[in-house]
Amino acid sequence: MHIAIIGATGLIGSSLVTELIGNESTKQITVITRKKMEAESNKIHQIVIPEMTSDKIEGLNINADAYFCGLGTTIKKAGSRVRFRYVDCDLVVAFAKLANNNKKALLVISAMGANKNSSVFYNRVKGDMEGV
């Protein structure tokens, strides 16, 4: 099985990569990251995109069996609400389009309380992403 992961360096994504490395049925793990990872396995194929954009993600030529998105940031790390929305909504949706173009399974980690009508900005962005 070939798994594609964006957000592989975060808490959930890195745990998933560790689990997949130990799984005999996983033959290849394609990770899309901004910075090169310390690869611990020959199963890992890295696609490094220092300046991620929706177009770059949607334009990737990956034909995985399943796609996993653990991409996310914080407003503090992003630097602004606009940048936070770009990472946590726009880039996630671009990855979903990539999976959809290949007609494959997609799993996205969102947030408890995600709701497009929430008065809490974080939950509203996550809800907007889920609604696309």
Protein backbone atom coordinates (compact mmCIF):
# COMPACT_ATOMS: atom_id res chain seq x y z
CA MET A 1 0.00 0.00 0.00
CA HIS A 2 1.17 3.53 -0.83
CA ILE A 3 0.16 6.31 1.60
CA ALA A 4 0.54 10.05 0.96
CA ILE A 5 0.75 12.34 3.99
CA ILE A 6 0.79 16.10 4.34
CA GLY A 7 1.46 17.35 7.85
CA ALA A 8 3.82 14.46 8.56
CA THR A 9 6.06 16.45 10.90
CA GLY A 10 3.32 17.39 13.36
CA LEU A 11 2.16 15.46 16.40
CA ILE A 12 -0.41 13.25 14.68
CA GLY A 13 1.33 13.00 11.30
CA SER A 14 4.64 11.94 12.79
CA SER A 15 2.91 9.29 14.89
CA LEU A 16 1.20 7.98 11.77
CA VAL A 17 4.50 7.83 9.87
CA THR A 18 6.02 5.80 12.71
CA GLU A 19 3.08 3.37 12.65
CA LEU A 20 3.20 3.02 8.86
CA ILE A 21 6.93 2.32 8.85
CA GLY A 22 6.27 -0.67 11.09
CA ASN A 23 3.32 -1.91 9.04
CA GLU A 24 4.29 -4.69 6.63
CA SER A 25 1.52 -3.83 4.15
CA THR A 26 2.83 -0.28 3.76
CA LYS A 27 5.27 -0.30 0.87
CA GLN A 28 5.71 3.46 0.33
CA ILE A 29 5.01 6.60 2.35
CA THR A 30 5.08 9.84 0.39
CA VAL A 31 5.38 12.84 2.69
CA ILE A 32 4.85 16.42 1.54
CA THR A 33 6.75 18.81 3.79
CA ARG A 34 8.26 22.31 3.85
CA LYS A 35 11.57 21.01 5.22
CA LYS A 36 13.42 17.77 4.66
CA MET A 37 12.70 15.18 7.34
CA GLU A 38 15.24 12.90 8.93
CA ALA A 39 14.10 9.80 7.04
CA GLU A 40 14.14 6.74 9.26
CA SER A 41 13.06 4.28 6.60
CA ASN A 42 13.60 3.47 2.96
CA LYS A 43 9.78 3.40 2.68
CA ILE A 44 9.71 7.20 2.91
CA HIS A 45 9.71 9.32 -0.24
CA GLN A 46 9.89 13.04 0.47
CA ILE A 47 8.49 15.89 -1.58
CA VAL A 48 9.87 19.11 -0.13
CA ILE A 49 7.99 22.31 -0.97
CA PRO A 50 9.49 25.20 1.04
CA GLU A 51 6.75 27.63 -0.02
CA MET A 52 3.56 25.58 -0.17
CA THR A 53 0.73 26.86 -2.31
CA SER A 54 -2.58 25.34 -3.28
CA ASP A 55 -1.45 25.13 -6.91
CA LYS A 56 1.76 23.30 -6.01
CA ILE A 57 -0.12 20.77 -3.89
CA GLU A 58 -2.88 20.16 -6.46
CA GLY A 59 -0.25 19.82 -9.19
CA LEU A 60 1.65 17.00 -7.50
CA ASN A 61 1.89 13.71 -9.36
CA ILE A 62 1.13 11.24 -6.57
CA ASN A 63 -0.88 8.11 -7.14
CA ALA A 64 -1.24 6.81 -3.59
CA ASP A 65 -3.77 4.29 -2.36
CA ALA A 66 -4.85 6.61 0.46
CA TYR A 67 -4.22 10.21 1.49
CA PHE A 68 -3.86 11.52 5.04
CA CYS A 69 -3.90 15.19 6.07
CA GLY A 70 -2.64 16.24 9.46
CA LEU A 71 -1.76 19.73 8.24
CA GLY A 72 -2.36 22.54 10.67
CA THR A 73 -0.79 25.43 12.49
CA THR A 74 -1.60 27.97 15.17
CA ILE A 75 -2.41 31.63 14.68
CA LYS A 76 0.75 32.46 16.62
CA LYS A 77 2.96 30.33 14.34
CA ALA A 78 1.13 31.46 11.21
CA GLY A 79 1.54 35.11 12.15
CA SER A 80 -1.97 36.19 11.22
CA ARG A 81 -5.53 35.00 10.89
CA VAL A 82 -5.24 35.21 7.10
CA ARG A 83 -2.18 32.97 7.06
CA PHE A 84 -3.78 30.57 9.55
CA ARG A 85 -6.85 30.21 7.29
CA TYR A 86 -4.57 29.64 4.31
CA VAL A 87 -2.77 26.73 6.00
CA ASP A 88 -5.68 25.17 7.89
CA CYS A 89 -8.30 25.56 5.17
CA ASP A 90 -6.91 26.39 1.72
CA LEU A 91 -3.94 24.02 1.74
CA VAL A 92 -6.02 21.22 3.28
CA VAL A 93 -8.66 21.66 0.56
CA ALA A 94 -5.92 21.59 -2.11
CA PHE A 95 -4.68 18.25 -0.74
CA ALA A 96 -8.27 16.96 -0.71
CA LYS A 97 -8.58 17.91 -4.38
CA LEU A 98 -5.40 15.97 -5.13
CA ALA A 99 -6.88 12.88 -3.47
CA ASN A 100 -10.21 13.40 -5.21
CA ASN A 101 -8.56 13.72 -8.61
CA ASN A 102 -7.08 10.27 -8.03
CA LYS A 103 -10.43 8.93 -6.70
CA LYS A 104 -8.77 7.67 -3.54
CA ALA A 105 -9.59 7.67 0.17
CA LEU A 106 -8.81 10.78 2.19
CA LEU A 107 -8.64 11.23 5.96
CA VAL A 108 -8.36 14.74 7.38
CA ILE A 109 -7.71 15.53 11.02
CA SER A 110 -9.78 18.61 11.84
CA ALA A 111 -10.77 19.74 15.33
CA MET A 112 -13.34 18.99 17.97
CA GLY A 113 -15.88 21.81 17.87
CA ALA A 114 -15.32 22.59 14.18
CA ASN A 115 -18.33 24.61 13.00
CA LYS A 116 -18.57 27.12 10.14
CA ASN A 117 -20.98 29.19 12.27
CA SER A 118 -18.81 29.25 15.41
CA SER A 119 -17.98 32.56 17.06
CA VAL A 120 -14.52 31.09 17.76
CA PHE A 121 -12.26 31.83 14.79
CA TYR A 122 -10.26 28.56 15.02
CA ASN A 123 -13.42 26.41 15.07
CA ARG A 124 -14.99 28.49 12.27
CA VAL A 125 -11.97 27.95 9.97
CA LYS A 126 -12.00 24.22 10.66
CA GLY A 127 -15.76 24.17 9.99
CA ASP A 128 -15.26 26.08 6.73
CA MET A 129 -12.65 23.52 5.64
CA GLU A 130 -14.97 20.62 6.47
CA GLY A 131 -17.77 22.22 4.45
CA VAL A 132 -15.83 22.44 1.19
